[in-house]
Amino acid sequence: MTTSNIKNIIDKVYLKIAKDYNSNAKVELYSDIYERLNGILAMEDHESYAEYSWSHNKIYLYTNHLDNEEDIIRSLIHECVHSNQCHDEYEAYYNECDLDYDTHPHEIEAEYEEEKWRNYEIKY
């Protein structure tokens, strides 16, 4: 999927998702996390669709792993959910409760909300 196609889908769905999830996060696109952090493309393939930055109030979408409209919408929903969660609490679950991604309550909530992605599907 081209960056242009991804931007087109974001333009069509993000305002509604952001409104429904009460998020005012800005969206930025990068090919992968390594490009965002280092400004260079990654040599190895690290699968990450998106992430939310509490300090910048931004959703970073990683285009190398967004293969279709569903991936984009799910990622936007997931990160909008995180934008309304408490960062300190999020970190405490990892640091003090010895949880991993699959057992973290904030991740479980975000993944649950992703299942509503069809509410934002573009009808052609």
PDB file of N, CA and C in Angstrom:
ATOM      1  N   MET A   1       0.855  -1.170   0.000  1.00  0.00           N
ATOM      2  CA  MET A   1       0.000   0.000   0.000  1.00  0.00           C
ATOM      3  C   MET A   1       0.904   1.237   0.000  1.00  0.00           C
ATOM      4  N   THR A   2       0.622   2.175  -0.875  1.00  0.00           N
ATOM      5  CA  THR A   2       1.460   3.365  -0.972  1.00  0.00           C
ATOM      6  C   THR A   2       1.151   4.355   0.146  1.00  0.00           C
ATOM      7  N   THR A   3       2.096   5.221   0.415  1.00  0.00           N
ATOM      8  CA  THR A   3       1.895   6.268   1.421  1.00  0.00           C
ATOM      9  C   THR A   3       0.712   7.154   1.044  1.00  0.00           C
ATOM     10  N   SER A   4       0.567   7.401  -0.231  1.00  0.00           N
ATOM     11  CA  SER A   4      -0.561   8.205  -0.712  1.00  0.00           C
ATOM     12  C   SER A   4      -1.893   7.535  -0.386  1.00  0.00           C
ATOM     13  N   ASN A   5      -1.986   6.234  -0.602  1.00  0.00           N
ATOM     14  CA  ASN A   5      -3.211   5.493  -0.274  1.00  0.00           C
ATOM     15  C   ASN A   5      -3.493   5.541   1.226  1.00  0.00           C
ATOM     16  N   ILE A   6      -2.453   5.380   2.017  1.00  0.00           N
ATOM     17  CA  ILE A   6      -2.603   5.415   3.469  1.00  0.00           C
ATOM     18  C   ILE A   6      -3.107   6.783   3.914  1.00  0.00           C
ATOM     19  N   LYS A   7      -2.496   7.846   3.385  1.00  0.00           N
ATOM     20  CA  LYS A   7      -2.930   9.212   3.727  1.00  0.00           C
ATOM     21  C   LYS A   7      -4.385   9.433   3.331  1.00  0.00           C
ATOM     22  N   ASN A   8      -4.771   8.927   2.191  1.00  0.00           N
ATOM     23  CA  ASN A   8      -6.150   9.064   1.713  1.00  0.00           C
ATOM     24  C   ASN A   8      -7.136   8.420   2.694  1.00  0.00           C
ATOM     25  N   ILE A   9      -6.813   7.223   3.170  1.00  0.00           N
ATOM     26  CA  ILE A   9      -7.681   6.539   4.134  1.00  0.00           C
ATOM     27  C   ILE A   9      -7.726   7.313   5.447  1.00  0.00           C
ATOM     28  N   ILE A  10      -6.566   7.765   5.919  1.00  0.00           N
ATOM     29  CA  ILE A  10      -6.519   8.562   7.161  1.00  0.00           C
ATOM     30  C   ILE A  10      -7.407   9.792   7.024  1.00  0.00           C
ATOM     31  N   ASP A  11      -7.292  10.481   5.899  1.00  0.00           N
ATOM     32  CA  ASP A  11      -8.104  11.684   5.674  1.00  0.00           C
ATOM     33  C   ASP A  11      -9.597  11.387   5.735  1.00  0.00           C
ATOM     34  N   LYS A  12      -9.988  10.203   5.322  1.00  0.00           N
ATOM     35  CA  LYS A  12     -11.409   9.852   5.285  1.00  0.00           C
ATOM     36  C   LYS A  12     -11.948   9.359   6.627  1.00  0.00           C
ATOM     37  N   VAL A  13     -11.097   8.794   7.480  1.00  0.00           N
ATOM     38  CA  VAL A  13     -11.626   8.158   8.701  1.00  0.00           C
ATOM     39  C   VAL A  13     -11.159   8.766  10.010  1.00  0.00           C
ATOM     40  N   TYR A  14     -10.011   9.421  10.020  1.00  0.00           N
ATOM     41  CA  TYR A  14      -9.419   9.779  11.312  1.00  0.00           C
ATOM     42  C   TYR A  14     -10.235  10.793  12.110  1.00  0.00           C
ATOM     43  N   LEU A  15     -10.798  11.779  11.475  1.00  0.00           N
ATOM     44  CA  LEU A  15     -11.558  12.779  12.243  1.00  0.00           C
ATOM     45  C   LEU A  15     -12.716  12.138  13.004  1.00  0.00           C
ATOM     46  N   LYS A  16     -13.389  11.191  12.386  1.00  0.00           N
ATOM     47  CA  LYS A  16     -14.495  10.498  13.061  1.00  0.00           C
ATOM     48  C   LYS A  16     -13.981   9.619  14.201  1.00  0.00           C
ATOM     49  N   ILE A  17     -12.903   8.890  13.957  1.00  0.00           N
ATOM     50  CA  ILE A  17     -12.317   8.056  15.016  1.00  0.00           C
ATOM     51  C   ILE A  17     -11.876   8.941  16.176  1.00  0.00           C
ATOM     52  N   ALA A  18     -11.160  10.007  15.873  1.00  0.00           N
ATOM     53  CA  ALA A  18     -10.669  10.904  16.927  1.00  0.00           C
ATOM     54  C   ALA A  18     -11.829  11.491  17.727  1.00  0.00           C
ATOM     55  N   LYS A  19     -12.897  11.868  17.042  1.00  0.00           N
ATOM     56  CA  LYS A  19     -14.066  12.408  17.739  1.00  0.00           C
ATOM     57  C   LYS A  19     -14.697  11.351  18.636  1.00  0.00           C
ATOM     58  N   ASP A  20     -14.903  10.158  18.100  1.00  0.00           N
ATOM     59  CA  ASP A  20     -15.538   9.086  18.866  1.00  0.00           C
ATOM     60  C   ASP A  20     -14.712   8.656  20.076  1.00  0.00           C
ATOM     61  N   TYR A  21     -13.396   8.761  19.966  1.00  0.00           N
ATOM     62  CA  TYR A  21     -12.516   8.359  21.072  1.00  0.00           C
ATOM     63  C   TYR A  21     -11.950   9.557  21.830  1.00  0.00           C
ATOM     64  N   ASN A  22     -12.514  10.721  21.577  1.00  0.00           N
ATOM     65  CA  ASN A  22     -12.134  11.938  22.290  1.00  0.00           C
ATOM     66  C   ASN A  22     -10.622  12.139  22.297  1.00  0.00           C
ATOM     67  N   SER A  23     -10.023  12.035  21.128  1.00  0.00           N
ATOM     68  CA  SER A  23      -8.581  12.186  20.991  1.00  0.00           C
ATOM     69  C   SER A  23      -8.262  13.373  20.097  1.00  0.00           C
ATOM     70  N   ASN A  24      -7.246  14.115  20.489  1.00  0.00           N
ATOM     71  CA  ASN A  24      -6.789  15.219  19.644  1.00  0.00           C
ATOM     72  C   ASN A  24      -5.340  14.994  19.194  1.00  0.00           C
ATOM     73  N   ALA A  25      -4.921  13.737  19.202  1.00  0.00           N
ATOM     74  CA  ALA A  25      -3.557  13.399  18.789  1.00  0.00           C
ATOM     75  C   ALA A  25      -3.369  13.660  17.296  1.00  0.00           C
ATOM     76  N   LYS A  26      -2.206  14.115  16.951  1.00  0.00           N
ATOM     77  CA  LYS A  26      -1.823  14.297  15.551  1.00  0.00           C
ATOM     78  C   LYS A  26      -1.248  12.982  15.034  1.00  0.00           C
ATOM     79  N   VAL A  27      -1.362  12.759  13.733  1.00  0.00           N
ATOM     80  CA  VAL A  27      -0.872  11.526  13.116  1.00  0.00           C
ATOM     81  C   VAL A  27       0.333  11.851  12.239  1.00  0.00           C
ATOM     82  N   GLU A  28       1.384  11.048  12.395  1.00  0.00           N
ATOM     83  CA  GLU A  28       2.568  11.156  11.544  1.00  0.00           C
ATOM     84  C   GLU A  28       2.864   9.785  10.954  1.00  0.00           C
ATOM     85  N   LEU A  29       3.385   9.775   9.733  1.00  0.00           N
ATOM     86  CA  LEU A  29       3.717   8.531   9.040  1.00  0.00           C
ATOM     87  C   LEU A  29       5.231   8.364   8.909  1.00  0.00           C
ATOM     88  N   TYR A  30       5.675   7.148   9.153  1.00  0.00           N
ATOM     89  CA  TYR A  30       7.067   6.765   8.953  1.00  0.00           C
ATOM     90  C   TYR A  30       7.057   5.365   8.354  1.00  0.00           C
ATOM     91  N   SER A  31       8.110   5.016   7.652  1.00  0.00           N
ATOM     92  CA  SER A  31       8.148   3.669   7.086  1.00  0.00           C
ATOM     93  C   SER A  31       8.226   2.622   8.196  1.00  0.00           C
ATOM     94  N   ASP A  32       8.962   2.911   9.249  1.00  0.00           N
ATOM     95  CA  ASP A  32       9.076   2.011  10.396  1.00  0.00           C
ATOM     96  C   ASP A  32       9.601   2.798  11.590  1.00  0.00           C
ATOM     97  N   ILE A  33       9.678   2.136  12.735  1.00  0.00           N
ATOM     98  CA  ILE A  33      10.108   2.811  13.959  1.00  0.00           C
ATOM     99  C   ILE A  33      11.557   3.300  13.859  1.00  0.00           C
ATOM    100  N   TYR A  34      12.390   2.582  13.114  1.00  0.00           N
ATOM    101  CA  TYR A  34      13.783   2.967  12.988  1.00  0.00           C
ATOM    102  C   TYR A  34      13.937   4.258  12.206  1.00  0.00           C
ATOM    103  N   GLU A  35      13.123   4.433  11.195  1.00  0.00           N
ATOM    104  CA  GLU A  35      13.172   5.689  10.443  1.00  0.00           C
ATOM    105  C   GLU A  35      12.784   6.848  11.354  1.00  0.00           C
ATOM    106  N   ARG A  36      11.751   6.660  12.181  1.00  0.00           N
ATOM    107  CA  ARG A  36      11.322   7.733  13.077  1.00  0.00           C
ATOM    108  C   ARG A  36      12.401   8.071  14.098  1.00  0.00           C
ATOM    109  N   LEU A  37      13.042   7.075  14.655  1.00  0.00           N
ATOM    110  CA  LEU A  37      14.013   7.319  15.715  1.00  0.00           C
ATOM    111  C   LEU A  37      15.384   7.733  15.203  1.00  0.00           C
ATOM    112  N   ASN A  38      15.773   7.226  14.046  1.00  0.00           N
ATOM    113  CA  ASN A  38      17.126   7.472  13.549  1.00  0.00           C
ATOM    114  C   ASN A  38      17.178   8.230  12.235  1.00  0.00           C
ATOM    115  N   GLY A  39      16.039   8.345  11.580  1.00  0.00           N
ATOM    116  CA  GLY A  39      16.033   8.985  10.286  1.00  0.00           C
ATOM    117  C   GLY A  39      16.577   8.105   9.176  1.00  0.00           C
ATOM    118  N   ILE A  40      16.764   6.812   9.443  1.00  0.00           N
ATOM    119  CA  ILE A  40      17.247   5.887   8.424  1.00  0.00           C
ATOM    120  C   ILE A  40      16.321   4.678   8.383  1.00  0.00           C
ATOM    121  N   LEU A  41      16.282   4.028   7.259  1.00  0.00           N
ATOM    122  CA  LEU A  41      15.441   2.837   7.125  1.00  0.00           C
ATOM    123  C   LEU A  41      16.067   1.664   7.869  1.00  0.00           C
ATOM    124  N   ALA A  42      15.232   0.803   8.379  1.00  0.00           N
ATOM    125  CA  ALA A  42      15.695  -0.364   9.129  1.00  0.00           C
ATOM    126  C   ALA A  42      16.255  -1.419   8.193  1.00  0.00           C
ATOM    127  N   MET A  43      17.262  -2.111   8.643  1.00  0.00           N
ATOM    128  CA  MET A  43      17.823  -3.225   7.880  1.00  0.00           C
ATOM    129  C   MET A  43      17.062  -4.508   8.182  1.00  0.00           C
ATOM    130  N   GLU A  44      16.606  -4.668   9.417  1.00  0.00           N
ATOM    131  CA  GLU A  44      15.830  -5.853   9.763  1.00  0.00           C
ATOM    132  C   GLU A  44      14.367  -5.472   9.886  1.00  0.00           C
ATOM    133  N   ASP A  45      13.526  -6.422   9.708  1.00  0.00           N
ATOM    134  CA  ASP A  45      12.086  -6.190   9.703  1.00  0.00           C
ATOM    135  C   ASP A  45      11.529  -6.339  11.119  1.00  0.00           C
ATOM    136  N   HIS A  46      11.166  -5.236  11.749  1.00  0.00           N
ATOM    137  CA  HIS A  46      10.567  -5.248  13.084  1.00  0.00           C
ATOM    138  C   HIS A  46       9.113  -4.851  12.926  1.00  0.00           C
ATOM    139  N   GLU A  47       8.208  -5.763  13.240  1.00  0.00           N
ATOM    140  CA  GLU A  47       6.790  -5.518  12.993  1.00  0.00           C
ATOM    141  C   GLU A  47       6.180  -4.626  14.058  1.00  0.00           C
ATOM    142  N   SER A  48       5.815  -3.438  13.652  1.00  0.00           N
ATOM    143  CA  SER A  48       5.092  -2.517  14.504  1.00  0.00           C
ATOM    144  C   SER A  48       4.201  -1.686  13.589  1.00  0.00           C
ATOM    145  N   TYR A  49       2.925  -1.705  13.879  1.00  0.00           N
ATOM    146  CA  TYR A  49       1.983  -0.965  13.047  1.00  0.00           C
ATOM    147  C   TYR A  49       1.933   0.498  13.433  1.00  0.00           C
ATOM    148  N   ALA A  50       1.990   0.742  14.735  1.00  0.00           N
ATOM    149  CA  ALA A  50       1.811   2.110  15.217  1.00  0.00           C
ATOM    150  C   ALA A  50       2.241   2.213  16.672  1.00  0.00           C
ATOM    151  N   GLU A  51       2.358   3.444  17.137  1.00  0.00           N
ATOM    152  CA  GLU A  51       2.562   3.685  18.561  1.00  0.00           C
ATOM    153  C   GLU A  51       2.056   5.076  18.898  1.00  0.00           C
ATOM    154  N   TYR A  52       1.766   5.278  20.172  1.00  0.00           N
ATOM    155  CA  TYR A  52       1.314   6.577  20.650  1.00  0.00           C
ATOM    156  C   TYR A  52       2.387   7.174  21.546  1.00  0.00           C
ATOM    157  N   SER A  53       2.666   8.440  21.378  1.00  0.00           N
ATOM    158  CA  SER A  53       3.611   9.161  22.226  1.00  0.00           C
ATOM    159  C   SER A  53       2.840  10.089  23.147  1.00  0.00           C
ATOM    160  N   TRP A  54       2.859   9.776  24.442  1.00  0.00           N
ATOM    161  CA  TRP A  54       2.190  10.633  25.417  1.00  0.00           C
ATOM    162  C   TRP A  54       2.869  11.992  25.497  1.00  0.00           C
ATOM    163  N   SER A  55       4.187  12.034  25.392  1.00  0.00           N
ATOM    164  CA  SER A  55       4.913  13.297  25.541  1.00  0.00           C
ATOM    165  C   SER A  55       4.688  14.252  24.368  1.00  0.00           C
ATOM    166  N   HIS A  56       4.363  13.720  23.205  1.00  0.00           N
ATOM    167  CA  HIS A  56       4.138  14.557  22.024  1.00  0.00           C
ATOM    168  C   HIS A  56       2.681  14.582  21.567  1.00  0.00           C
ATOM    169  N   ASN A  57       1.841  13.752  22.179  1.00  0.00           N
ATOM    170  CA  ASN A  57       0.440  13.607  21.780  1.00  0.00           C
ATOM    171  C   ASN A  57       0.337  13.338  20.275  1.00  0.00           C
ATOM    172  N   LYS A  58       1.104  12.328  19.847  1.00  0.00           N
ATOM    173  CA  LYS A  58       1.134  11.962  18.436  1.00  0.00           C
ATOM    174  C   LYS A  58       0.971  10.463  18.273  1.00  0.00           C
ATOM    175  N   ILE A  59       0.296  10.114  17.199  1.00  0.00           N
ATOM    176  CA  ILE A  59       0.182   8.734  16.766  1.00  0.00           C
ATOM    177  C   ILE A  59       1.145   8.561  15.597  1.00  0.00           C
ATOM    178  N   TYR A  60       2.046   7.610  15.736  1.00  0.00           N
ATOM    179  CA  TYR A  60       2.983   7.297  14.666  1.00  0.00           C
ATOM    180  C   TYR A  60       2.503   6.020  13.986  1.00  0.00           C
ATOM    181  N   LEU A  61       2.218   6.122  12.693  1.00  0.00           N
ATOM    182  CA  LEU A  61       1.842   4.950  11.899  1.00  0.00           C
ATOM    183  C   LEU A  61       3.051   4.535  11.070  1.00  0.00           C
ATOM    184  N   TYR A  62       3.317   3.228  11.038  1.00  0.00           N
ATOM    185  CA  TYR A  62       4.464   2.690  10.323  1.00  0.00           C
ATOM    186  C   TYR A  62       3.995   2.000   9.047  1.00  0.00           C
ATOM    187  N   THR A  63       4.234   2.664   7.941  1.00  0.00           N
ATOM    188  CA  THR A  63       3.659   2.276   6.656  1.00  0.00           C
ATOM    189  C   THR A  63       4.139   0.924   6.135  1.00  0.00           C
ATOM    190  N   ASN A  64       5.315   0.472   6.553  1.00  0.00           N
ATOM    191  CA  ASN A  64       5.814  -0.820   6.068  1.00  0.00           C
ATOM    192  C   ASN A  64       4.922  -1.987   6.465  1.00  0.00           C
ATOM    193  N   HIS A  65       4.108  -1.806   7.498  1.00  0.00           N
ATOM    194  CA  HIS A  65       3.297  -2.906   7.997  1.00  0.00           C
ATOM    195  C   HIS A  65       1.799  -2.686   7.831  1.00  0.00           C
ATOM    196  N   LEU A  66       1.435  -1.590   7.220  1.00  0.00           N
ATOM    197  CA  LEU A  66       0.019  -1.301   6.987  1.00  0.00           C
ATOM    198  C   LEU A  66      -0.330  -1.784   5.587  1.00  0.00           C
ATOM    199  N   ASP A  67      -0.961  -2.950   5.522  1.00  0.00           N
ATOM    200  CA  ASP A  67      -1.210  -3.578   4.230  1.00  0.00           C
ATOM    201  C   ASP A  67      -2.573  -3.274   3.640  1.00  0.00           C
ATOM    202  N   ASN A  68      -3.486  -2.770   4.483  1.00  0.00           N
ATOM    203  CA  ASN A  68      -4.835  -2.556   3.986  1.00  0.00           C
ATOM    204  C   ASN A  68      -5.585  -1.572   4.896  1.00  0.00           C
ATOM    205  N   GLU A  69      -6.778  -1.252   4.487  1.00  0.00           N
ATOM    206  CA  GLU A  69      -7.613  -0.307   5.228  1.00  0.00           C
ATOM    207  C   GLU A  69      -7.856  -0.776   6.669  1.00  0.00           C
ATOM    208  N   GLU A  70      -8.088  -2.053   6.852  1.00  0.00           N
ATOM    209  CA  GLU A  70      -8.330  -2.580   8.193  1.00  0.00           C
ATOM    210  C   GLU A  70      -7.140  -2.312   9.119  1.00  0.00           C
ATOM    211  N   ASP A  71      -5.922  -2.558   8.637  1.00  0.00           N
ATOM    212  CA  ASP A  71      -4.731  -2.301   9.456  1.00  0.00           C
ATOM    213  C   ASP A  71      -4.665  -0.839   9.894  1.00  0.00           C
ATOM    214  N   ILE A  72      -4.958   0.057   8.987  1.00  0.00           N
ATOM    215  CA  ILE A  72      -4.885   1.489   9.277  1.00  0.00           C
ATOM    216  C   ILE A  72      -5.931   1.881  10.310  1.00  0.00           C
ATOM    217  N   ILE A  73      -7.160   1.469  10.101  1.00  0.00           N
ATOM    218  CA  ILE A  73      -8.244   1.833  11.011  1.00  0.00           C
ATOM    219  C   ILE A  73      -8.015   1.232  12.396  1.00  0.00           C
ATOM    220  N   ARG A  74      -7.637  -0.035  12.444  1.00  0.00           N
ATOM    221  CA  ARG A  74      -7.362  -0.675  13.741  1.00  0.00           C
ATOM    222  C   ARG A  74      -6.245   0.067  14.481  1.00  0.00           C
ATOM    223  N   SER A  75      -5.206   0.437  13.758  1.00  0.00           N
ATOM    224  CA  SER A  75      -4.083   1.137  14.378  1.00  0.00           C
ATOM    225  C   SER A  75      -4.506   2.492  14.922  1.00  0.00           C
ATOM    226  N   LEU A  76      -5.297   3.213  14.157  1.00  0.00           N
ATOM    227  CA  LEU A  76      -5.766   4.528  14.626  1.00  0.00           C
ATOM    228  C   LEU A  76      -6.638   4.385  15.870  1.00  0.00           C
ATOM    229  N   ILE A  77      -7.544   3.435  15.867  1.00  0.00           N
ATOM    230  CA  ILE A  77      -8.396   3.211  17.038  1.00  0.00           C
ATOM    231  C   ILE A  77      -7.538   2.846  18.247  1.00  0.00           C
ATOM    232  N   HIS A  78      -6.653   1.889  18.064  1.00  0.00           N
ATOM    233  CA  HIS A  78      -5.809   1.400  19.152  1.00  0.00           C
ATOM    234  C   HIS A  78      -5.048   2.555  19.805  1.00  0.00           C
ATOM    235  N   GLU A  79      -4.436   3.386  18.982  1.00  0.00           N
ATOM    236  CA  GLU A  79      -3.627   4.479  19.527  1.00  0.00           C
ATOM    237  C   GLU A  79      -4.491   5.606  20.095  1.00  0.00           C
ATOM    238  N   CYS A  80      -5.673   5.828  19.544  1.00  0.00           N
ATOM    239  CA  CYS A  80      -6.597   6.810  20.145  1.00  0.00           C
ATOM    240  C   CYS A  80      -7.013   6.368  21.545  1.00  0.00           C
ATOM    241  N   VAL A  81      -7.223   5.076  21.731  1.00  0.00           N
ATOM    242  CA  VAL A  81      -7.537   4.560  23.062  1.00  0.00           C
ATOM    243  C   VAL A  81      -6.383   4.876  24.013  1.00  0.00           C
ATOM    244  N   HIS A  82      -5.159   4.604  23.577  1.00  0.00           N
ATOM    245  CA  HIS A  82      -4.001   4.904  24.431  1.00  0.00           C
ATOM    246  C   HIS A  82      -3.919   6.395  24.764  1.00  0.00           C
ATOM    247  N   SER A  83      -4.323   7.241  23.841  1.00  0.00           N
ATOM    248  CA  SER A  83      -4.215   8.687  24.080  1.00  0.00           C
ATOM    249  C   SER A  83      -5.078   9.152  25.247  1.00  0.00           C
ATOM    250  N   ASN A  84      -6.035   8.325  25.647  1.00  0.00           N
ATOM    251  CA  ASN A  84      -6.900   8.672  26.779  1.00  0.00           C
ATOM    252  C   ASN A  84      -6.556   7.894  28.048  1.00  0.00           C
ATOM    253  N   GLN A  85      -5.509   7.116  27.991  1.00  0.00           N
ATOM    254  CA  GLN A  85      -5.089   6.360  29.160  1.00  0.00           C
ATOM    255  C   GLN A  85      -3.971   7.116  29.886  1.00  0.00           C
ATOM    256  N   CYS A  86      -3.840   6.849  31.156  1.00  0.00           N
ATOM    257  CA  CYS A  86      -2.815   7.488  31.980  1.00  0.00           C
ATOM    258  C   CYS A  86      -1.454   6.839  31.710  1.00  0.00           C
ATOM    259  N   HIS A  87      -0.498   7.640  31.273  1.00  0.00           N
ATOM    260  CA  HIS A  87       0.826   7.118  30.959  1.00  0.00           C
ATOM    261  C   HIS A  87       1.509   6.513  32.178  1.00  0.00           C
ATOM    262  N   ASP A  88       1.427   7.165  33.325  1.00  0.00           N
ATOM    263  CA  ASP A  88       2.062   6.635  34.537  1.00  0.00           C
ATOM    264  C   ASP A  88       1.478   5.274  34.912  1.00  0.00           C
ATOM    265  N   GLU A  89       0.169   5.150  34.800  1.00  0.00           N
ATOM    266  CA  GLU A  89      -0.485   3.873  35.085  1.00  0.00           C
ATOM    267  C   GLU A  89      -0.066   2.822  34.067  1.00  0.00           C
ATOM    268  N   TYR A  90       0.002   3.224  32.806  1.00  0.00           N
ATOM    269  CA  TYR A  90       0.432   2.322  31.738  1.00  0.00           C
ATOM    270  C   TYR A  90       1.813   1.743  32.058  1.00  0.00           C
ATOM    271  N   GLU A  91       2.744   2.608  32.396  1.00  0.00           N
ATOM    272  CA  GLU A  91       4.108   2.172  32.711  1.00  0.00           C
ATOM    273  C   GLU A  91       4.147   1.330  33.983  1.00  0.00           C
ATOM    274  N   ALA A  92       3.348   1.706  34.990  1.00  0.00           N
ATOM    275  CA  ALA A  92       3.335   0.968  36.259  1.00  0.00           C
ATOM    276  C   ALA A  92       2.916  -0.485  36.058  1.00  0.00           C
ATOM    277  N   TYR A  93       1.969  -0.726  35.172  1.00  0.00           N
ATOM    278  CA  TYR A  93       1.563  -2.108  34.908  1.00  0.00           C
ATOM    279  C   TYR A  93       2.744  -2.952  34.433  1.00  0.00           C
ATOM    280  N   TYR A  94       3.592  -2.361  33.594  1.00  0.00           N
ATOM    281  CA  TYR A  94       4.767  -3.094  33.118  1.00  0.00           C
ATOM    282  C   TYR A  94       5.819  -3.235  34.218  1.00  0.00           C
ATOM    283  N   ASN A  95       6.090  -2.134  34.906  1.00  0.00           N
ATOM    284  CA  ASN A  95       7.192  -2.111  35.867  1.00  0.00           C
ATOM    285  C   ASN A  95       6.878  -2.775  37.201  1.00  0.00           C
ATOM    286  N   GLU A  96       5.671  -2.628  37.679  1.00  0.00           N
ATOM    287  CA  GLU A  96       5.339  -3.099  39.022  1.00  0.00           C
ATOM    288  C   GLU A  96       4.512  -4.383  39.027  1.00  0.00           C
ATOM    289  N   CYS A  97       3.826  -4.656  37.959  1.00  0.00           N
ATOM    290  CA  CYS A  97       2.944  -5.830  37.931  1.00  0.00           C
ATOM    291  C   CYS A  97       3.506  -6.965  37.084  1.00  0.00           C
ATOM    292  N   ASP A  98       4.653  -6.723  36.475  1.00  0.00           N
ATOM    293  CA  ASP A  98       5.321  -7.744  35.678  1.00  0.00           C
ATOM    294  C   ASP A  98       4.411  -8.317  34.590  1.00  0.00           C
ATOM    295  N   LEU A  99       3.699  -7.429  33.907  1.00  0.00           N
ATOM    296  CA  LEU A  99       2.828  -7.846  32.817  1.00  0.00           C
ATOM    297  C   LEU A  99       3.570  -7.720  31.490  1.00  0.00           C
ATOM    298  N   ASP A 100       3.096  -8.427  30.486  1.00  0.00           N
ATOM    299  CA  ASP A 100       3.618  -8.243  29.146  1.00  0.00           C
ATOM    300  C   ASP A 100       2.505  -7.660  28.266  1.00  0.00           C
ATOM    301  N   TYR A 101       2.810  -7.451  27.008  1.00  0.00           N
ATOM    302  CA  TYR A 101       1.861  -6.813  26.091  1.00  0.00           C
ATOM    303  C   TYR A 101       0.511  -7.529  26.076  1.00  0.00           C
ATOM    304  N   ASP A 102       0.531  -8.855  26.059  1.00  0.00           N
ATOM    305  CA  ASP A 102      -0.707  -9.626  25.940  1.00  0.00           C
ATOM    306  C   ASP A 102      -1.561  -9.619  27.197  1.00  0.00           C
ATOM    307  N   THR A 103      -0.975  -9.302  28.344  1.00  0.00           N
ATOM    308  CA  THR A 103      -1.726  -9.316  29.605  1.00  0.00           C
ATOM    309  C   THR A 103      -1.930  -7.923  30.194  1.00  0.00           C
ATOM    310  N   HIS A 104      -1.429  -6.908  29.524  1.00  0.00           N
ATOM    311  CA  HIS A 104      -1.538  -5.518  30.001  1.00  0.00           C
ATOM    312  C   HIS A 104      -2.976  -5.022  29.803  1.00  0.00           C
ATOM    313  N   PRO A 105      -3.646  -4.571  30.869  1.00  0.00           N
ATOM    314  CA  PRO A 105      -5.051  -4.135  30.741  1.00  0.00           C
ATOM    315  C   PRO A 105      -5.277  -3.021  29.723  1.00  0.00           C
ATOM    316  N   HIS A 106      -4.340  -2.097  29.593  1.00  0.00           N
ATOM    317  CA  HIS A 106      -4.511  -1.017  28.612  1.00  0.00           C
ATOM    318  C   HIS A 106      -4.423  -1.544  27.184  1.00  0.00           C
ATOM    319  N   GLU A 107      -3.555  -2.524  26.959  1.00  0.00           N
ATOM    320  CA  GLU A 107      -3.455  -3.133  25.629  1.00  0.00           C
ATOM    321  C   GLU A 107      -4.694  -3.971  25.330  1.00  0.00           C
ATOM    322  N   ILE A 108      -5.186  -4.663  26.330  1.00  0.00           N
ATOM    323  CA  ILE A 108      -6.405  -5.457  26.152  1.00  0.00           C
ATOM    324  C   ILE A 108      -7.571  -4.545  25.784  1.00  0.00           C
ATOM    325  N   GLU A 109      -7.696  -3.409  26.462  1.00  0.00           N
ATOM    326  CA  GLU A 109      -8.759  -2.450  26.151  1.00  0.00           C
ATOM    327  C   GLU A 109      -8.619  -1.929  24.719  1.00  0.00           C
ATOM    328  N   ALA A 110      -7.410  -1.554  24.334  1.00  0.00           N
ATOM    329  CA  ALA A 110      -7.182  -1.019  22.987  1.00  0.00           C
ATOM    330  C   ALA A 110      -7.491  -2.066  21.920  1.00  0.00           C
ATOM    331  N   GLU A 111      -7.096  -3.304  22.173  1.00  0.00           N
ATOM    332  CA  GLU A 111      -7.379  -4.363  21.202  1.00  0.00           C
ATOM    333  C   GLU A 111      -8.875  -4.666  21.129  1.00  0.00           C
ATOM    334  N   TYR A 112      -9.561  -4.568  22.242  1.00  0.00           N
ATOM    335  CA  TYR A 112     -11.010  -4.752  22.245  1.00  0.00           C
ATOM    336  C   TYR A 112     -11.677  -3.692  21.358  1.00  0.00           C
ATOM    337  N   GLU A 113     -11.253  -2.463  21.501  1.00  0.00           N
ATOM    338  CA  GLU A 113     -11.837  -1.375  20.711  1.00  0.00           C
ATOM    339  C   GLU A 113     -11.533  -1.524  19.228  1.00  0.00           C
ATOM    340  N   GLU A 114     -10.387  -2.089  18.895  1.00  0.00           N
ATOM    341  CA  GLU A 114     -10.036  -2.327  17.493  1.00  0.00           C
ATOM    342  C   GLU A 114     -11.097  -3.134  16.755  1.00  0.00           C
ATOM    343  N   GLU A 115     -11.782  -3.988  17.481  1.00  0.00           N
ATOM    344  CA  GLU A 115     -12.790  -4.840  16.851  1.00  0.00           C
ATOM    345  C   GLU A 115     -13.948  -4.029  16.275  1.00  0.00           C
ATOM    346  N   LYS A 116     -14.028  -2.775  16.611  1.00  0.00           N
ATOM    347  CA  LYS A 116     -15.077  -1.886  16.083  1.00  0.00           C
ATOM    348  C   LYS A 116     -14.646  -1.205  14.789  1.00  0.00           C
ATOM    349  N   TRP A 117     -13.558  -1.678  14.192  1.00  0.00           N
ATOM    350  CA  TRP A 117     -12.994  -1.016  13.020  1.00  0.00           C
ATOM    351  C   TRP A 117     -13.982  -0.899  11.868  1.00  0.00           C
ATOM    352  N   ARG A 118     -14.889  -1.843  11.739  1.00  0.00           N
ATOM    353  CA  ARG A 118     -15.848  -1.795  10.623  1.00  0.00           C
ATOM    354  C   ARG A 118     -16.785  -0.596  10.712  1.00  0.00           C
ATOM    355  N   ASN A 119     -16.925  -0.008  11.888  1.00  0.00           N
ATOM    356  CA  ASN A 119     -17.733   1.217  12.028  1.00  0.00           C
ATOM    357  C   ASN A 119     -17.147   2.365  11.213  1.00  0.00           C
ATOM    358  N   TYR A 120     -15.873   2.268  10.849  1.00  0.00           N
ATOM    359  CA  TYR A 120     -15.174   3.340  10.138  1.00  0.00           C
ATOM    360  C   TYR A 120     -14.758   2.935   8.729  1.00  0.00           C
ATOM    361  N   GLU A 121     -15.118   1.741   8.351  1.00  0.00           N
ATOM    362  CA  GLU A 121     -14.753   1.223   7.025  1.00  0.00           C
ATOM    363  C   GLU A 121     -15.298   2.152   5.946  1.00  0.00           C
ATOM    364  N   ILE A 122     -14.474   2.403   4.967  1.00  0.00           N
ATOM    365  CA  ILE A 122     -14.887   3.264   3.862  1.00  0.00           C
ATOM    366  C   ILE A 122     -15.783   2.454   2.927  1.00  0.00           C
ATOM    367  N   LYS A 123     -16.947   2.972   2.665  1.00  0.00           N
ATOM    368  CA  LYS A 123     -17.897   2.297   1.776  1.00  0.00           C
ATOM    369  C   LYS A 123     -17.679   2.819   0.364  1.00  0.00           C
ATOM    370  N   TYR A 124     -17.211   1.957  -0.507  1.00  0.00           N
ATOM    371  CA  TYR A 124     -16.903   2.367  -1.891  1.00  0.00           C
ATOM    372  C   TYR A 124     -18.105   2.263  -2.779  1.00  0.00           C
TER     373      TYR A 124
END
